[in-house]
N, C-alpha and C. Protein backbone atom coordinates (compact mmCIF):
# COMPACT_ATOMS: atom_id res chain seq x y z
N MET A 1 207.40 -41.90 -116.04
CA MET A 1 207.38 -40.77 -117.00
C MET A 1 208.89 -40.54 -117.36
N PRO A 2 209.08 -40.56 -118.57
CA PRO A 2 210.84 -40.16 -118.75
C PRO A 2 211.33 -38.82 -118.47
N TYR A 3 210.42 -37.90 -118.08
CA TYR A 3 211.00 -36.64 -117.72
C TYR A 3 211.13 -36.67 -116.26
N ASP A 4 212.29 -36.66 -115.79
CA ASP A 4 212.65 -36.97 -114.31
C ASP A 4 212.07 -35.47 -113.67
N ALA A 5 211.81 -34.26 -114.28
CA ALA A 5 211.26 -33.05 -113.65
C ALA A 5 209.90 -33.19 -113.19
N PHE A 6 209.11 -34.35 -113.83
CA PHE A 6 207.62 -34.53 -113.42
C PHE A 6 207.43 -35.82 -112.43
N THR A 7 208.56 -36.43 -112.39
CA THR A 7 208.17 -37.74 -111.59
C THR A 7 207.34 -37.51 -110.17
N HIS A 8 207.60 -36.40 -109.79
CA HIS A 8 206.90 -35.93 -108.33
C HIS A 8 205.54 -35.60 -108.63
N VAL A 9 205.18 -35.26 -109.81
CA VAL A 9 203.75 -34.38 -110.21
C VAL A 9 202.58 -35.34 -109.89
N ASP A 10 201.65 -34.91 -109.04
CA ASP A 10 200.45 -35.67 -108.84
C ASP A 10 199.24 -35.01 -109.00
N TYR A 11 199.40 -33.54 -109.49
CA TYR A 11 198.39 -32.49 -109.69
C TYR A 11 198.67 -31.78 -110.81
N TRP A 12 197.59 -31.83 -111.89
CA TRP A 12 198.17 -31.27 -113.30
C TRP A 12 197.19 -30.11 -113.44
N VAL A 13 197.53 -28.78 -113.53
CA VAL A 13 196.49 -27.73 -113.54
C VAL A 13 196.82 -27.15 -115.04
N PHE A 14 195.56 -26.96 -115.84
CA PHE A 14 195.53 -26.69 -117.27
C PHE A 14 194.89 -25.36 -117.36
N ASP A 15 195.47 -24.39 -117.79
CA ASP A 15 194.50 -23.08 -118.43
C ASP A 15 193.67 -23.62 -119.41
N LEU A 16 192.75 -22.83 -119.87
CA LEU A 16 192.03 -23.42 -121.20
C LEU A 16 192.15 -22.52 -122.68
N ASP A 17 191.95 -21.44 -122.53
CA ASP A 17 192.24 -20.69 -123.86
C ASP A 17 193.44 -20.46 -124.30
N ASN A 18 193.77 -21.13 -125.76
CA ASN A 18 194.97 -20.88 -126.14
C ASN A 18 195.97 -21.67 -125.62
N THR A 19 195.56 -22.67 -124.58
CA THR A 19 196.20 -23.53 -124.05
C THR A 19 196.10 -25.29 -124.25
N LEU A 20 194.73 -25.45 -123.99
CA LEU A 20 194.14 -26.70 -124.33
C LEU A 20 193.99 -26.76 -125.78
N TYR A 21 193.56 -25.71 -126.48
CA TYR A 21 193.29 -25.62 -127.70
C TYR A 21 194.24 -24.54 -128.37
N PRO A 22 194.79 -24.88 -129.60
CA PRO A 22 195.96 -23.89 -130.18
C PRO A 22 195.08 -22.60 -130.48
N PRO A 23 195.99 -21.41 -130.59
CA PRO A 23 195.34 -20.13 -131.06
C PRO A 23 194.53 -20.14 -132.60
N GLN A 24 195.09 -21.17 -133.24
CA GLN A 24 194.55 -21.12 -134.55
C GLN A 24 192.93 -21.25 -134.54
N ALA A 25 192.58 -21.55 -133.54
CA ALA A 25 191.07 -22.08 -133.36
C ALA A 25 190.47 -20.66 -133.33
N ARG A 26 190.98 -19.61 -133.01
CA ARG A 26 190.45 -18.22 -133.23
C ARG A 26 189.20 -18.14 -132.08
N LEU A 27 189.13 -18.66 -131.03
CA LEU A 27 187.95 -18.53 -130.14
C LEU A 27 188.24 -17.29 -129.41
N PHE A 28 189.50 -16.89 -129.14
CA PHE A 28 189.71 -15.57 -128.26
C PHE A 28 189.15 -14.50 -129.32
N ASP A 29 189.42 -14.76 -130.36
CA ASP A 29 188.97 -13.53 -131.28
C ASP A 29 187.27 -13.20 -131.26
N GLN A 30 186.63 -14.32 -130.90
CA GLN A 30 185.20 -14.27 -130.79
C GLN A 30 184.98 -13.59 -129.27
N ILE A 31 185.87 -14.06 -128.33
CA ILE A 31 185.61 -13.29 -127.03
C ILE A 31 185.94 -12.05 -127.00
N GLU A 32 186.95 -11.64 -127.65
CA GLU A 32 187.43 -10.22 -127.58
C GLU A 32 186.34 -9.26 -128.38
N ARG A 33 185.75 -9.85 -129.41
CA ARG A 33 184.59 -8.95 -130.31
C ARG A 33 183.54 -8.83 -128.94
N LEU A 34 183.22 -9.80 -128.46
CA LEU A 34 182.08 -9.71 -127.41
C LEU A 34 182.33 -8.86 -126.40
N MET A 35 183.45 -9.14 -125.89
CA MET A 35 183.95 -8.04 -124.77
C MET A 35 183.99 -6.63 -125.18
N ALA A 36 184.24 -6.21 -126.44
CA ALA A 36 184.32 -4.83 -126.82
C ALA A 36 182.79 -4.51 -127.16
N ASN A 37 182.00 -5.25 -127.73
CA ASN A 37 180.52 -4.90 -127.82
C ASN A 37 179.91 -4.55 -126.49
N TYR A 38 180.27 -5.44 -125.41
CA TYR A 38 179.77 -5.07 -124.02
C TYR A 38 180.26 -3.81 -123.50
N VAL A 39 181.50 -3.70 -123.45
CA VAL A 39 182.00 -2.34 -123.18
C VAL A 39 181.35 -1.27 -123.92
N MET A 40 181.32 -1.21 -125.32
CA MET A 40 180.37 -0.11 -125.98
C MET A 40 179.21 0.04 -125.36
N ARG A 41 178.41 -0.85 -125.22
CA ARG A 41 177.02 -0.69 -124.79
C ARG A 41 176.95 -0.29 -123.34
N GLU A 42 177.77 -0.73 -122.40
CA GLU A 42 177.61 -0.68 -121.01
C GLU A 42 178.19 0.81 -120.57
N LEU A 43 179.20 1.11 -121.36
CA LEU A 43 180.01 2.53 -121.00
C LEU A 43 179.70 3.34 -122.04
N ASN A 44 178.76 3.21 -123.10
CA ASN A 44 178.57 3.95 -123.91
C ASN A 44 179.77 4.84 -124.63
N VAL A 45 180.40 3.95 -125.10
CA VAL A 45 181.92 4.31 -125.68
C VAL A 45 181.84 3.91 -127.29
N ASP A 46 182.71 4.51 -128.07
CA ASP A 46 182.79 3.89 -129.42
C ASP A 46 183.73 2.67 -129.43
N ALA A 47 183.81 1.96 -130.38
CA ALA A 47 184.75 0.79 -130.87
C ALA A 47 185.94 0.92 -130.38
N GLN A 48 186.47 2.17 -130.65
CA GLN A 48 188.18 2.32 -130.53
C GLN A 48 188.38 2.24 -129.19
N THR A 49 187.32 3.23 -128.41
CA THR A 49 187.71 3.33 -127.17
C THR A 49 187.24 1.96 -126.24
N ALA A 50 186.30 1.19 -126.69
CA ALA A 50 186.22 0.05 -126.07
C ALA A 50 187.32 -0.87 -125.97
N ASN A 51 188.04 -1.25 -127.24
CA ASN A 51 189.14 -2.04 -127.63
C ASN A 51 190.17 -1.48 -126.79
N MET A 52 190.44 -0.02 -126.55
CA MET A 52 191.52 0.44 -125.84
C MET A 52 191.24 0.04 -124.24
N LEU A 53 190.03 0.19 -123.71
CA LEU A 53 189.82 0.07 -122.31
C LEU A 53 189.99 -1.57 -122.09
N ARG A 54 189.53 -2.46 -123.11
CA ARG A 54 189.73 -3.87 -122.88
C ARG A 54 191.06 -4.17 -122.92
N GLN A 55 191.95 -3.81 -123.47
CA GLN A 55 193.49 -4.04 -123.54
C GLN A 55 193.96 -3.26 -122.36
N LYS A 56 193.60 -2.21 -121.78
CA LYS A 56 194.19 -1.41 -120.58
C LYS A 56 193.81 -2.33 -119.43
N TYR A 57 192.47 -2.63 -119.29
CA TYR A 57 192.24 -3.31 -118.05
C TYR A 57 192.97 -4.52 -118.14
N TRP A 58 193.15 -5.39 -119.04
CA TRP A 58 193.60 -6.68 -119.15
C TRP A 58 195.19 -6.60 -118.76
N ASN A 59 195.81 -5.59 -119.22
CA ASN A 59 197.27 -5.36 -118.86
C ASN A 59 197.35 -4.80 -117.16
N GLU A 60 196.36 -4.15 -116.91
CA GLU A 60 196.53 -3.68 -115.58
C GLU A 60 195.79 -4.49 -114.45
N TYR A 61 194.76 -5.19 -114.77
CA TYR A 61 194.03 -5.99 -113.64
C TYR A 61 194.02 -7.34 -113.88
N GLY A 62 194.61 -7.96 -114.74
CA GLY A 62 194.59 -9.41 -115.21
C GLY A 62 193.76 -9.95 -116.30
N THR A 63 192.38 -9.21 -116.09
CA THR A 63 191.36 -9.44 -116.92
C THR A 63 190.47 -7.99 -117.28
N THR A 64 189.92 -8.00 -118.58
CA THR A 64 189.03 -6.86 -118.79
C THR A 64 187.95 -6.79 -117.60
N LEU A 65 187.41 -7.97 -117.29
CA LEU A 65 186.33 -8.19 -116.38
C LEU A 65 186.86 -7.55 -114.94
N ALA A 66 188.11 -7.85 -114.57
CA ALA A 66 188.60 -7.05 -113.37
C ALA A 66 188.55 -5.74 -113.42
N GLY A 67 189.14 -5.11 -114.65
CA GLY A 67 189.06 -3.62 -114.59
C GLY A 67 187.59 -3.12 -114.64
N LEU A 68 186.63 -3.73 -115.31
CA LEU A 68 185.37 -3.17 -115.22
C LEU A 68 184.64 -3.38 -113.95
N MET A 69 184.86 -4.38 -113.07
CA MET A 69 184.34 -4.41 -111.89
C MET A 69 184.83 -3.30 -110.92
N HIS A 70 186.34 -3.07 -110.93
CA HIS A 70 187.18 -2.24 -110.26
C HIS A 70 186.79 -0.58 -110.64
N ILE A 71 186.64 -0.36 -111.82
CA ILE A 71 186.58 0.93 -112.21
C ILE A 71 185.02 1.20 -112.49
N HIS A 72 184.38 0.40 -112.82
CA HIS A 72 182.90 0.78 -113.16
C HIS A 72 181.79 0.13 -112.60
N ASN A 73 182.21 -0.88 -111.62
CA ASN A 73 181.40 -1.81 -110.62
C ASN A 73 180.27 -2.38 -111.43
N VAL A 74 180.92 -3.30 -112.62
CA VAL A 74 180.27 -3.94 -113.41
C VAL A 74 179.98 -5.44 -112.60
N ASP A 75 178.56 -5.73 -112.90
CA ASP A 75 178.04 -7.04 -112.44
C ASP A 75 178.73 -8.17 -113.25
N PRO A 76 179.64 -9.03 -112.56
CA PRO A 76 180.30 -9.99 -113.55
C PRO A 76 179.38 -11.02 -113.97
N ASP A 77 178.58 -11.73 -113.26
CA ASP A 77 177.90 -12.79 -113.97
C ASP A 77 177.37 -12.55 -115.33
N PRO A 78 176.29 -11.34 -115.47
CA PRO A 78 175.89 -11.06 -116.84
C PRO A 78 176.95 -10.95 -118.07
N TYR A 79 178.13 -10.20 -117.57
CA TYR A 79 179.22 -10.08 -118.40
C TYR A 79 179.86 -11.50 -118.91
N LEU A 80 179.95 -12.28 -117.87
CA LEU A 80 180.69 -13.66 -117.89
C LEU A 80 179.69 -14.37 -119.16
N HIS A 81 178.48 -14.30 -118.82
CA HIS A 81 177.69 -15.15 -119.55
C HIS A 81 177.42 -14.55 -121.08
N GLU A 82 177.61 -13.49 -121.35
CA GLU A 82 177.48 -12.74 -122.48
C GLU A 82 178.96 -12.88 -123.57
N VAL A 83 179.80 -12.70 -122.81
CA VAL A 83 181.15 -12.85 -123.65
C VAL A 83 181.65 -14.12 -123.84
N HIS A 84 180.91 -15.26 -123.53
CA HIS A 84 181.17 -16.59 -123.65
C HIS A 84 180.16 -17.27 -124.49
N GLN A 85 179.15 -16.64 -125.07
CA GLN A 85 178.51 -17.16 -126.09
C GLN A 85 179.08 -17.25 -127.38
N LEU A 86 179.89 -18.36 -127.69
CA LEU A 86 180.76 -18.50 -128.76
C LEU A 86 180.15 -19.68 -129.68
N ASP A 87 180.38 -19.45 -130.86
CA ASP A 87 180.38 -20.64 -131.98
C ASP A 87 181.61 -21.55 -131.77
N LEU A 88 181.25 -22.72 -131.34
CA LEU A 88 182.14 -23.80 -131.29
C LEU A 88 181.94 -24.95 -132.43
N SER A 89 181.20 -24.58 -133.36
CA SER A 89 180.87 -25.73 -134.41
C SER A 89 182.16 -25.94 -135.27
N HIS A 90 183.36 -25.10 -135.29
CA HIS A 90 184.41 -25.36 -135.87
C HIS A 90 185.58 -26.03 -134.98
N ILE A 91 185.16 -26.22 -133.78
CA ILE A 91 186.20 -26.92 -133.01
C ILE A 91 186.05 -28.40 -133.14
N VAL A 92 187.20 -29.06 -133.31
CA VAL A 92 187.17 -30.47 -133.39
C VAL A 92 187.76 -31.16 -132.28
N ALA A 93 187.37 -32.41 -131.97
CA ALA A 93 187.83 -33.43 -130.95
C ALA A 93 189.28 -33.48 -130.97
N MET A 94 190.00 -33.74 -129.85
CA MET A 94 191.42 -34.04 -130.16
C MET A 94 191.62 -35.44 -129.27
N PRO A 95 191.49 -36.23 -129.87
CA PRO A 95 191.51 -37.83 -129.31
C PRO A 95 193.03 -37.68 -128.71
N ASP A 96 194.09 -37.45 -129.55
CA ASP A 96 195.35 -37.69 -128.87
C ASP A 96 195.72 -37.08 -127.57
N LEU A 97 195.05 -35.91 -127.49
CA LEU A 97 195.23 -35.11 -126.18
C LEU A 97 194.49 -35.57 -125.20
N ARG A 98 193.03 -36.12 -125.65
CA ARG A 98 192.43 -36.68 -124.53
C ARG A 98 193.19 -37.99 -123.98
N ASP A 99 193.78 -38.77 -124.81
CA ASP A 99 194.43 -39.81 -124.29
C ASP A 99 195.73 -39.58 -123.54
N ALA A 100 196.35 -38.39 -123.92
CA ALA A 100 197.47 -38.08 -123.12
C ALA A 100 197.40 -37.68 -121.72
N ILE A 101 196.30 -36.69 -121.67
CA ILE A 101 195.79 -36.08 -120.24
C ILE A 101 195.20 -37.47 -119.45
N SER A 102 194.44 -38.11 -120.14
CA SER A 102 194.05 -39.35 -119.21
C SER A 102 195.02 -40.12 -118.79
N ALA A 103 195.98 -40.23 -119.35
CA ALA A 103 197.18 -41.29 -118.98
C ALA A 103 197.94 -40.54 -117.91
N LEU A 104 197.90 -39.31 -117.59
CA LEU A 104 198.63 -38.53 -116.48
C LEU A 104 198.25 -39.28 -115.11
N PRO A 105 199.24 -39.24 -114.28
CA PRO A 105 198.91 -39.96 -112.96
C PRO A 105 198.45 -38.95 -112.01
N GLY A 106 197.47 -39.00 -111.34
CA GLY A 106 197.01 -37.91 -110.39
C GLY A 106 195.87 -37.33 -110.85
N ARG A 107 195.49 -36.23 -110.18
CA ARG A 107 194.32 -35.46 -110.41
C ARG A 107 194.71 -34.26 -111.47
N LYS A 108 193.54 -34.00 -112.21
CA LYS A 108 193.75 -33.07 -113.24
C LYS A 108 192.48 -32.15 -113.32
N ILE A 109 192.78 -30.79 -113.48
CA ILE A 109 191.90 -29.74 -113.25
C ILE A 109 192.23 -28.86 -114.47
N ILE A 110 191.01 -27.99 -114.87
CA ILE A 110 191.05 -26.92 -115.59
C ILE A 110 191.07 -25.82 -114.59
N TYR A 111 191.53 -24.67 -114.84
CA TYR A 111 191.64 -23.42 -114.17
C TYR A 111 191.84 -22.29 -115.08
N THR A 112 190.44 -21.60 -115.72
CA THR A 112 190.17 -20.74 -116.56
C THR A 112 190.05 -19.05 -115.89
N ASN A 113 190.51 -18.26 -116.51
CA ASN A 113 189.76 -16.72 -116.05
C ASN A 113 188.70 -16.72 -116.73
N GLY A 114 188.09 -17.26 -117.44
CA GLY A 114 186.73 -17.41 -118.13
C GLY A 114 185.92 -17.86 -117.01
N SER A 115 184.78 -18.29 -117.55
CA SER A 115 183.58 -18.72 -116.53
C SER A 115 183.74 -20.21 -116.51
N ARG A 116 183.25 -20.78 -115.47
CA ARG A 116 183.18 -22.42 -115.33
C ARG A 116 182.47 -22.94 -116.64
N ALA A 117 181.19 -22.32 -116.99
CA ALA A 117 180.60 -22.95 -117.92
C ALA A 117 181.42 -22.73 -119.22
N HIS A 118 182.23 -21.83 -119.48
CA HIS A 118 182.93 -21.88 -120.61
C HIS A 118 184.01 -22.83 -120.82
N GLY A 119 184.61 -23.17 -119.62
CA GLY A 119 185.68 -24.22 -119.54
C GLY A 119 184.92 -25.46 -119.68
N GLU A 120 183.49 -25.72 -119.35
CA GLU A 120 183.02 -27.04 -119.64
C GLU A 120 182.57 -27.14 -121.26
N GLY A 121 182.06 -25.80 -121.70
CA GLY A 121 181.56 -25.97 -123.13
C GLY A 121 182.81 -26.15 -124.25
N VAL A 122 183.92 -25.75 -123.70
CA VAL A 122 185.06 -25.65 -124.66
C VAL A 122 185.53 -27.12 -124.55
N SER A 123 185.91 -27.61 -123.41
CA SER A 123 186.57 -28.70 -123.11
C SER A 123 185.55 -29.84 -123.69
N ASN A 124 184.17 -29.78 -123.68
CA ASN A 124 183.51 -30.84 -124.27
C ASN A 124 183.65 -30.82 -125.68
N ALA A 125 183.53 -29.51 -126.35
CA ALA A 125 183.68 -29.52 -128.00
C ALA A 125 185.13 -30.18 -128.22
N LEU A 126 186.04 -30.04 -127.45
CA LEU A 126 187.47 -30.53 -127.69
C LEU A 126 187.28 -32.21 -127.46
N GLY A 127 186.32 -32.64 -126.93
CA GLY A 127 186.26 -33.99 -126.82
C GLY A 127 186.79 -34.56 -125.59
N LEU A 128 187.02 -33.65 -124.44
CA LEU A 128 187.72 -34.00 -123.11
C LEU A 128 186.60 -34.21 -122.08
N ALA A 129 185.36 -34.37 -122.34
CA ALA A 129 184.41 -34.59 -121.09
C ALA A 129 184.78 -35.63 -120.51
N GLY A 130 184.78 -35.55 -119.03
CA GLY A 130 184.87 -36.52 -118.12
C GLY A 130 186.57 -36.85 -117.90
N VAL A 131 187.62 -35.98 -118.78
CA VAL A 131 188.77 -36.21 -118.47
C VAL A 131 189.32 -35.41 -117.36
N PHE A 132 188.87 -34.42 -117.04
CA PHE A 132 189.13 -33.74 -115.77
C PHE A 132 188.32 -34.03 -114.50
N ASP A 133 189.09 -33.89 -113.21
CA ASP A 133 188.50 -34.00 -111.99
C ASP A 133 187.61 -32.91 -111.75
N ALA A 134 187.86 -31.66 -112.21
CA ALA A 134 187.04 -30.73 -111.73
C ALA A 134 187.50 -29.34 -112.89
N ILE A 135 186.64 -28.33 -113.05
CA ILE A 135 186.93 -27.34 -113.86
C ILE A 135 186.38 -25.97 -113.03
N TYR A 136 187.44 -25.11 -112.92
CA TYR A 136 187.20 -23.98 -112.08
C TYR A 136 187.34 -22.67 -112.91
N GLY A 137 186.42 -21.97 -112.74
CA GLY A 137 186.31 -20.44 -113.41
C GLY A 137 186.63 -19.36 -112.52
N VAL A 138 186.68 -18.36 -113.07
CA VAL A 138 187.01 -16.90 -112.39
C VAL A 138 186.14 -16.74 -111.19
N GLU A 139 184.70 -17.15 -111.09
CA GLU A 139 183.78 -17.06 -110.53
C GLU A 139 184.23 -17.78 -109.12
N ASP A 140 184.81 -18.92 -109.22
CA ASP A 140 185.39 -19.81 -108.25
C ASP A 140 186.55 -19.16 -107.38
N ALA A 141 187.09 -18.17 -107.91
CA ALA A 141 188.11 -17.46 -107.27
C ALA A 141 187.67 -16.09 -106.68
N ASP A 142 186.26 -16.06 -106.51
CA ASP A 142 185.50 -14.68 -106.00
C ASP A 142 185.78 -13.64 -107.18
N TYR A 143 185.97 -14.01 -108.29
CA TYR A 143 186.05 -13.02 -109.51
C TYR A 143 187.58 -12.37 -109.66
N THR A 144 188.39 -12.73 -108.58
CA THR A 144 189.77 -12.32 -108.76
C THR A 144 190.58 -13.17 -109.71
N PRO A 145 191.11 -12.73 -110.88
CA PRO A 145 191.90 -13.32 -111.75
C PRO A 145 193.26 -13.66 -111.60
N LYS A 146 193.77 -14.88 -112.24
CA LYS A 146 195.10 -14.93 -112.38
C LYS A 146 195.71 -13.62 -113.23
N PRO A 147 196.49 -12.93 -112.79
CA PRO A 147 197.85 -13.59 -111.94
C PRO A 147 197.71 -13.30 -110.65
N ASP A 148 196.77 -12.79 -109.91
CA ASP A 148 196.57 -12.52 -108.46
C ASP A 148 196.89 -13.61 -107.76
N LEU A 149 197.75 -13.45 -106.55
CA LEU A 149 198.11 -14.36 -105.66
C LEU A 149 197.03 -15.03 -105.22
N ALA A 150 195.89 -14.26 -104.75
CA ALA A 150 194.75 -14.59 -103.98
C ALA A 150 193.81 -15.61 -105.02
N ALA A 151 194.16 -15.03 -106.03
CA ALA A 151 193.06 -16.03 -107.09
C ALA A 151 193.62 -17.66 -107.18
N PHE A 152 195.06 -17.79 -107.19
CA PHE A 152 195.62 -18.98 -107.02
C PHE A 152 195.44 -19.97 -105.62
N GLN A 153 195.58 -19.01 -104.73
CA GLN A 153 195.54 -19.73 -103.32
C GLN A 153 193.72 -20.08 -103.29
N LYS A 154 192.89 -19.40 -103.72
CA LYS A 154 191.71 -19.78 -103.50
C LYS A 154 191.39 -21.13 -104.20
N ILE A 155 191.73 -21.16 -105.51
CA ILE A 155 191.43 -22.54 -106.35
C ILE A 155 192.40 -23.65 -105.88
N PHE A 156 193.52 -23.24 -105.47
CA PHE A 156 194.37 -24.45 -105.03
C PHE A 156 193.71 -25.01 -103.62
N THR A 157 193.37 -24.26 -102.70
CA THR A 157 193.04 -24.52 -101.51
C THR A 157 191.65 -25.18 -101.90
N THR A 158 190.75 -24.66 -102.48
CA THR A 158 189.49 -25.27 -102.64
C THR A 158 189.62 -26.77 -103.20
N ASP A 159 190.65 -26.97 -104.07
CA ASP A 159 190.90 -28.13 -104.87
C ASP A 159 191.80 -29.19 -103.98
N GLY A 160 192.43 -28.74 -103.03
CA GLY A 160 193.29 -29.47 -101.96
C GLY A 160 194.47 -29.67 -102.73
N ILE A 161 195.07 -28.63 -103.60
CA ILE A 161 196.19 -29.11 -104.32
C ILE A 161 197.47 -28.97 -103.66
N ASP A 162 198.35 -29.96 -103.62
CA ASP A 162 199.76 -29.56 -102.96
C ASP A 162 200.65 -28.95 -104.15
N THR A 163 200.92 -27.84 -103.98
CA THR A 163 201.58 -27.16 -105.02
C THR A 163 203.16 -27.65 -105.35
N LYS A 164 203.68 -28.37 -104.30
CA LYS A 164 205.00 -28.95 -104.44
C LYS A 164 205.02 -30.15 -105.48
N ARG A 165 203.72 -30.61 -105.35
CA ARG A 165 203.48 -31.88 -106.32
C ARG A 165 202.48 -31.60 -107.56
N ALA A 166 202.82 -30.38 -108.02
CA ALA A 166 201.73 -30.12 -109.26
C ALA A 166 202.53 -29.36 -110.33
N ALA A 167 201.87 -29.37 -111.43
CA ALA A 167 202.54 -28.73 -112.91
C ALA A 167 201.44 -27.71 -113.15
N MET A 168 201.73 -26.64 -113.67
CA MET A 168 200.82 -25.72 -114.09
C MET A 168 200.98 -25.32 -115.82
N PHE A 169 200.19 -25.62 -116.70
CA PHE A 169 200.24 -25.23 -118.28
C PHE A 169 199.48 -24.05 -118.43
N GLU A 170 200.15 -23.12 -119.09
CA GLU A 170 199.37 -21.65 -119.39
C GLU A 170 200.22 -21.20 -120.58
N ASP A 171 199.30 -20.31 -121.38
CA ASP A 171 199.68 -19.69 -122.47
C ASP A 171 200.24 -18.10 -122.01
N ASP A 172 199.73 -17.80 -120.91
CA ASP A 172 200.21 -16.45 -120.60
C ASP A 172 201.30 -16.37 -119.39
N VAL A 173 202.49 -15.90 -119.99
CA VAL A 173 203.62 -15.72 -119.10
C VAL A 173 203.38 -15.28 -117.90
N ARG A 174 202.68 -14.18 -117.55
CA ARG A 174 202.22 -13.63 -116.25
C ARG A 174 201.72 -14.81 -115.39
N ASN A 175 201.00 -15.53 -115.95
CA ASN A 175 200.17 -16.40 -115.11
C ASN A 175 200.92 -17.69 -114.46
N LEU A 176 202.18 -17.74 -114.74
CA LEU A 176 203.38 -18.70 -114.52
C LEU A 176 203.88 -18.27 -113.06
N SER A 177 203.94 -17.01 -112.87
CA SER A 177 205.16 -16.31 -111.96
C SER A 177 204.78 -16.99 -110.31
N ILE A 178 203.47 -16.85 -110.13
CA ILE A 178 202.90 -17.16 -108.66
C ILE A 178 203.07 -18.77 -108.77
N PRO A 179 202.56 -19.67 -109.60
CA PRO A 179 202.79 -21.10 -109.51
C PRO A 179 204.32 -21.21 -109.43
N HIS A 180 205.05 -20.81 -109.87
CA HIS A 180 206.40 -20.94 -109.72
C HIS A 180 207.10 -20.68 -108.47
N GLN A 181 206.58 -19.53 -107.87
CA GLN A 181 206.90 -19.24 -106.45
C GLN A 181 206.25 -20.05 -105.35
N MET A 182 205.22 -21.02 -105.92
CA MET A 182 204.35 -21.89 -104.97
C MET A 182 205.06 -23.31 -105.03
N GLY A 183 205.99 -23.34 -105.98
CA GLY A 183 206.79 -24.62 -105.89
C GLY A 183 206.18 -25.50 -107.21
N MET A 184 205.37 -24.99 -108.00
CA MET A 184 204.95 -25.70 -108.94
C MET A 184 205.77 -25.80 -110.33
N ARG A 185 205.90 -26.99 -110.94
CA ARG A 185 206.59 -27.22 -112.17
C ARG A 185 205.79 -26.28 -113.25
N THR A 186 206.50 -25.32 -114.01
CA THR A 186 205.61 -24.31 -115.09
C THR A 186 206.12 -24.82 -116.52
N ILE A 187 205.00 -24.81 -117.25
CA ILE A 187 205.00 -25.13 -118.60
C ILE A 187 204.25 -24.00 -119.42
N LEU A 188 205.09 -23.42 -120.10
CA LEU A 188 204.38 -22.05 -121.07
C LEU A 188 204.17 -23.08 -122.42
N VAL A 189 202.56 -22.83 -122.75
CA VAL A 189 202.22 -23.44 -124.06
C VAL A 189 202.10 -22.37 -125.07
N GLY A 190 203.09 -22.21 -125.92
CA GLY A 190 202.98 -21.10 -126.74
C GLY A 190 204.53 -20.67 -127.36
N PRO A 191 204.59 -19.76 -128.12
CA PRO A 191 206.03 -19.26 -128.39
C PRO A 191 206.97 -19.16 -127.26
N GLU A 192 208.08 -19.55 -127.67
CA GLU A 192 209.22 -19.41 -126.55
C GLU A 192 209.51 -18.25 -126.14
N GLU A 193 209.31 -17.91 -124.84
CA GLU A 193 209.83 -16.89 -124.11
C GLU A 193 210.71 -17.12 -122.99
N PHE A 194 211.67 -16.30 -122.72
CA PHE A 194 212.70 -16.59 -121.63
C PHE A 194 212.38 -15.87 -120.33
N ALA A 195 211.99 -16.63 -119.13
CA ALA A 195 211.73 -15.99 -117.83
C ALA A 195 212.14 -16.87 -116.84
N PRO A 196 212.71 -16.31 -115.73
CA PRO A 196 213.20 -17.09 -114.74
C PRO A 196 211.91 -18.42 -114.34
N HIS A 197 210.92 -17.96 -114.21
CA HIS A 197 209.74 -18.71 -113.61
C HIS A 197 209.26 -19.76 -114.66
N ILE A 198 209.78 -20.01 -115.80
CA ILE A 198 209.43 -20.65 -116.91
C ILE A 198 210.20 -21.99 -116.90
N HIS A 199 209.73 -23.25 -116.40
CA HIS A 199 210.76 -24.20 -116.54
C HIS A 199 210.73 -25.14 -118.00
N HIS A 200 209.46 -25.02 -118.56
CA HIS A 200 209.38 -25.80 -119.95
C HIS A 200 208.77 -24.85 -120.81
N GLN A 201 208.71 -25.21 -122.13
CA GLN A 201 207.78 -24.39 -123.09
C GLN A 201 207.76 -25.29 -124.39
N THR A 202 206.32 -25.27 -124.83
CA THR A 202 206.01 -26.20 -125.76
C THR A 202 204.84 -25.39 -126.69
N GLU A 203 205.10 -25.54 -127.99
CA GLU A 203 204.08 -25.13 -128.88
C GLU A 203 202.99 -26.31 -129.29
N ASP A 204 203.24 -27.42 -128.69
CA ASP A 204 202.35 -28.58 -129.05
C ASP A 204 202.11 -29.45 -127.68
N LEU A 205 201.06 -28.99 -127.26
CA LEU A 205 200.70 -29.69 -125.71
C LEU A 205 200.52 -31.08 -125.96
N THR A 206 199.79 -31.70 -126.78
CA THR A 206 199.54 -33.03 -127.33
C THR A 206 200.97 -33.76 -127.14
N ALA A 207 201.87 -33.35 -127.98
CA ALA A 207 203.06 -33.78 -128.22
C ALA A 207 203.87 -33.87 -126.98
N PHE A 208 203.94 -32.82 -126.10
CA PHE A 208 204.50 -32.63 -124.89
C PHE A 208 204.02 -33.61 -123.87
N LEU A 209 202.97 -33.79 -123.78
CA LEU A 209 202.14 -34.64 -122.89
C LEU A 209 202.48 -36.02 -123.14
N THR A 210 202.38 -36.40 -124.38
CA THR A 210 202.71 -37.66 -124.86
C THR A 210 203.98 -38.21 -124.48
N ARG A 211 205.00 -37.28 -124.65
CA ARG A 211 206.38 -37.78 -124.34
C ARG A 211 206.43 -38.17 -122.86
N LEU A 212 205.61 -37.36 -122.08
CA LEU A 212 205.61 -37.54 -120.55
C LEU A 212 204.90 -38.86 -120.11
N VAL A 213 203.92 -39.34 -120.90
CA VAL A 213 203.25 -40.55 -120.33
C VAL A 213 203.67 -41.85 -121.18
N ARG A 214 204.73 -41.67 -122.06
CA ARG A 214 205.23 -42.95 -122.70
C ARG A 214 206.27 -43.73 -121.86
C-alpha cells in the first residue's frame, strides 16, 4: 500500500450510515422521520417535541435509542426494527467501492449504531454482500452505542480485533476519539474537521481506499 501510515493495518472497521454510502443517498432522513414517529407515538408528544428529544438524546447519549432506554425504559428491539424499515430502491450498487474494500489486506467488518439487520440490508443494496467478514449492530454491544468506550470494547473483543493494527472509518467525529485512544488509525469520512484524534479525512471513501490498494 502506498500510504506508509496503513502498512501495519490488518483490521478494517467501517461505520455504515453516511460512511459506506454518501449523505446524498438521504437514507438517514428516512431514519430520522421514523424515529420521530416512534417517539411521537410512544411518548405521546407532538412532532416538534419528538424531534427535539431525538436530537437531545443523540447529543447526550450517543443515539436516540440510548436516551429512550435510559429515560423512558423503551424496549430496544421493536424500536430498532421500526426505525430501519427503509426504502432502499434508489440505492445503487458501488462496484468500485466493492473492489477497493475487497482488495484490503486482512479482516473487514461493519460496525453500526443501527441494527445488524440494517447493516446487512444496506450493504447488500450497495452491492457489498460477501465483502465483509462480519457485521455488528448496536445489539451486539448490549445496546450501548458508540462513542461509549464499553461499546467499542465489546465489539472489538468479540471480533478479536487488535486495535494497534486496525483502522476505523467514521462520519461522526465523536466516534473516532476512543478508537484513536485505542491505537487505531482514524479516518473521518465527510467534510473536513480538525481534531487531534483524526488522522485522515476524505469525502470520497472509494477514492481513498483505491489509493491505498494500488
